[in-house]
Amino acid sequence: MPSEAALLTYRDVVRLEWVDYNGHLRDAFYLLLFSLAGDVLLDAIGLDDAQRRARHRSVYTLEAHVNYLHEIKEGARVLVNVRVLDNDAKRLHIYLDMLVDGRAEPVAACEQMLLHVDTDGPRAAPFDPDVLERVGELVRAHAVLPPPRYAGRVIGLRSR
């Protein structure tokens, strides 16, 4: 497992209203937890709520791929680790994994492509230099971690 200190993290607890008829966290709420963890990333790169408003900038999700690996139940303590795999002038390629109650293996993983936008448009916009510098620092810090296990997966059925 990568060093927790090198990763951005988000913590929460599975709430009753997030649980389905099987007693498990509903699939949509896995994505909610990943989305909330993404806010930790925005704060870390200098795009917290106040800065998003002041700069008229935000980040939109272009694509997300979720791997549901193990069911979790109400009351489970959740930890989501956030990694920045790569970036360019306008996009972030991120990877998130969700751990529960000290379990060593993730219960879910999510890979996302995010787009930096000028909210006055809205339209794609390059990151401001200070934000881009922070993104680069995260990419370099996270590059030394082991490759993310569920990144780059493709959905499909094998041809017969």
Protein backbone atom coordinates (compact mmCIF):
# COMPACT_ATOMS: atom_id res chain seq x y z
CA MET A 1 0.00 0.00 0.00
CA PRO A 2 1.37 3.46 -0.87
CA SER A 3 2.38 5.75 1.96
CA GLU A 4 -0.74 7.58 3.18
CA ALA A 5 1.39 10.68 3.79
CA ALA A 6 2.11 10.99 0.05
CA LEU A 7 -1.58 10.89 -0.86
CA LEU A 8 -4.43 13.33 -0.48
CA THR A 9 -7.17 11.76 1.64
CA TYR A 10 -10.85 12.17 2.38
CA ARG A 11 -12.68 10.47 5.25
CA ASP A 12 -16.39 9.87 5.80
CA VAL A 13 -18.88 7.37 7.22
CA VAL A 14 -21.51 5.48 5.19
CA ARG A 15 -24.89 6.96 6.11
CA LEU A 16 -28.23 5.16 6.35
CA GLU A 17 -29.71 7.16 3.45
CA TRP A 18 -26.88 5.92 1.20
CA VAL A 19 -27.71 2.24 1.72
CA ASP A 20 -29.87 0.20 -0.67
CA TYR A 21 -32.41 -2.64 -0.23
CA ASN A 22 -29.52 -5.15 0.06
CA GLY A 23 -28.01 -3.27 3.00
CA HIS A 24 -25.05 -2.12 0.87
CA LEU A 25 -23.80 1.29 -0.15
CA ARG A 26 -25.67 2.24 -3.35
CA ASP A 27 -23.47 2.47 -6.43
CA ALA A 28 -24.18 6.19 -6.88
CA PHE A 29 -22.86 6.96 -3.41
CA TYR A 30 -19.50 5.38 -4.15
CA LEU A 31 -19.21 8.07 -6.83
CA LEU A 32 -20.39 10.73 -4.35
CA LEU A 33 -17.57 9.74 -1.99
CA PHE A 34 -15.08 9.89 -4.86
CA SER A 35 -16.45 13.30 -5.84
CA LEU A 36 -16.08 14.63 -2.30
CA ALA A 37 -12.50 13.33 -2.28
CA GLY A 38 -11.93 15.28 -5.49
CA ASP A 39 -12.73 18.44 -3.54
CA VAL A 40 -9.70 17.69 -1.35
CA LEU A 41 -7.62 17.72 -4.53
CA LEU A 42 -9.08 21.06 -5.61
CA ASP A 43 -8.24 22.55 -2.21
CA ALA A 44 -4.67 21.21 -2.47
CA ILE A 45 -4.02 22.80 -5.87
CA GLY A 46 -5.37 26.19 -4.86
CA LEU A 47 -8.91 25.89 -6.23
CA ASP A 48 -10.88 25.87 -2.99
CA ASP A 49 -14.37 27.38 -3.03
CA ALA A 50 -13.18 30.95 -2.46
CA GLN A 51 -10.57 30.70 -5.22
CA ARG A 52 -13.00 29.09 -7.67
CA ARG A 53 -15.36 32.03 -7.14
CA ALA A 54 -12.64 34.70 -7.27
CA ARG A 55 -10.92 33.27 -10.36
CA HIS A 56 -14.13 32.20 -12.13
CA ARG A 57 -12.56 28.78 -12.54
CA SER A 58 -13.63 25.26 -11.72
CA VAL A 59 -13.05 21.67 -12.70
CA TYR A 60 -15.58 19.51 -14.55
CA THR A 61 -15.48 15.72 -14.77
CA LEU A 62 -15.14 14.54 -18.38
CA GLU A 63 -15.04 10.81 -17.70
CA ALA A 64 -15.16 8.47 -14.72
CA HIS A 65 -14.64 4.73 -14.49
CA VAL A 66 -15.62 3.09 -11.20
CA ASN A 67 -14.63 -0.40 -10.10
CA TYR A 68 -16.90 -1.78 -7.37
CA LEU A 69 -14.73 -4.35 -5.64
CA HIS A 70 -16.47 -5.15 -2.36
CA GLU A 71 -19.78 -4.19 -0.77
CA ILE A 72 -19.77 -1.91 2.25
CA LYS A 73 -22.51 -1.24 4.77
CA GLU A 74 -23.98 1.53 6.88
CA GLY A 75 -21.58 2.88 9.47
CA ALA A 76 -18.44 1.82 7.61
CA ARG A 77 -15.60 4.31 8.03
CA VAL A 78 -14.34 5.23 4.57
CA LEU A 79 -10.95 6.58 3.52
CA VAL A 80 -10.48 7.73 -0.08
CA ASN A 81 -6.93 8.27 -1.36
CA VAL A 82 -6.46 10.66 -4.28
CA ARG A 83 -3.56 10.50 -6.72
CA VAL A 84 -2.77 12.73 -9.69
CA LEU A 85 -1.44 10.46 -12.43
CA ASP A 86 -0.87 13.06 -15.13
CA ASN A 87 -1.86 16.48 -16.39
CA ASP A 88 -1.62 18.85 -19.27
CA ALA A 89 -2.40 22.58 -19.44
CA LYS A 90 -6.16 22.01 -18.94
CA ARG A 91 -6.74 18.46 -17.70
CA LEU A 92 -6.04 16.21 -14.75
CA HIS A 93 -5.92 12.42 -14.88
CA ILE A 94 -6.63 11.20 -11.36
CA TYR A 95 -7.01 7.90 -9.55
CA LEU A 96 -8.87 7.31 -6.31
CA ASP A 97 -9.13 4.24 -4.16
CA MET A 98 -11.54 3.66 -1.32
CA LEU A 99 -10.61 1.76 1.81
CA VAL A 100 -12.88 0.80 4.69
CA ASP A 101 -12.24 0.21 8.39
CA GLY A 102 -8.54 -0.52 8.01
CA ARG A 103 -9.04 -3.10 5.25
CA ALA A 104 -5.79 -3.41 3.28
CA GLU A 105 -7.39 -3.89 -0.14
CA PRO A 106 -9.61 -1.22 -1.70
CA VAL A 107 -13.38 -1.71 -1.75
CA ALA A 108 -13.65 0.51 -4.84
CA ALA A 109 -11.42 2.39 -7.26
CA CYS A 110 -12.14 5.25 -9.62
CA GLU A 111 -10.19 6.75 -12.48
CA GLN A 112 -11.24 10.18 -13.75
CA MET A 113 -10.37 12.78 -16.35
CA LEU A 114 -11.06 16.32 -15.15
CA LEU A 115 -11.17 19.52 -17.22
CA HIS A 116 -10.28 22.98 -15.92
CA VAL A 117 -12.88 25.52 -17.05
CA ASP A 118 -13.52 29.24 -17.12
CA THR A 119 -16.99 29.38 -15.53
CA ASP A 120 -17.86 32.62 -17.33
CA GLY A 121 -18.13 30.57 -20.55
CA PRO A 122 -18.17 27.89 -19.55
CA ARG A 123 -15.23 26.81 -21.68
CA ALA A 124 -11.97 24.94 -21.20
CA ALA A 125 -9.18 27.11 -19.85
CA PRO A 126 -5.52 26.57 -19.01
CA PHE A 127 -4.67 26.33 -15.32
CA ASP A 128 -3.32 29.52 -13.79
CA PRO A 129 0.48 29.24 -13.31
CA ASP A 130 0.33 28.83 -9.51
CA VAL A 131 -2.29 26.08 -9.79
CA LEU A 132 -0.35 24.34 -12.57
CA GLU A 133 2.77 24.41 -10.38
CA ARG A 134 0.89 22.70 -7.51
CA VAL A 135 -0.52 20.12 -9.92
CA GLY A 136 3.00 19.37 -11.18
CA GLU A 137 4.23 18.93 -7.62
CA LEU A 138 1.50 16.34 -6.99
CA VAL A 139 2.19 14.51 -10.26
CA ARG A 140 5.88 14.25 -9.34
CA ALA A 141 5.14 13.17 -5.76
CA HIS A 142 2.63 10.54 -6.86
CA ALA A 143 4.80 9.23 -9.72
CA VAL A 144 7.03 7.39 -7.24
CA LEU A 145 4.09 5.34 -5.91
CA PRO A 146 3.37 1.86 -7.29
CA PRO A 147 1.18 1.85 -10.42
CA PRO A 148 -2.52 2.08 -9.60
CA ARG A 149 -3.99 -1.40 -9.82
CA TYR A 150 -7.29 -0.54 -11.53
CA ALA A 151 -6.21 2.33 -13.82
CA GLY A 152 -6.58 1.98 -17.58
CA ARG A 153 -9.18 -0.76 -17.49
CA VAL A 154 -11.63 -1.07 -20.36
CA ILE A 155 -15.25 -2.22 -20.20
CA GLY A 156 -16.27 -4.82 -22.73
CA LEU A 157 -17.15 -8.41 -23.41
CA ARG A 158 -14.69 -10.71 -25.09
CA SER A 159 -15.60 -11.63 -28.64
CA ARG A 160 -16.33 -15.28 -29.14
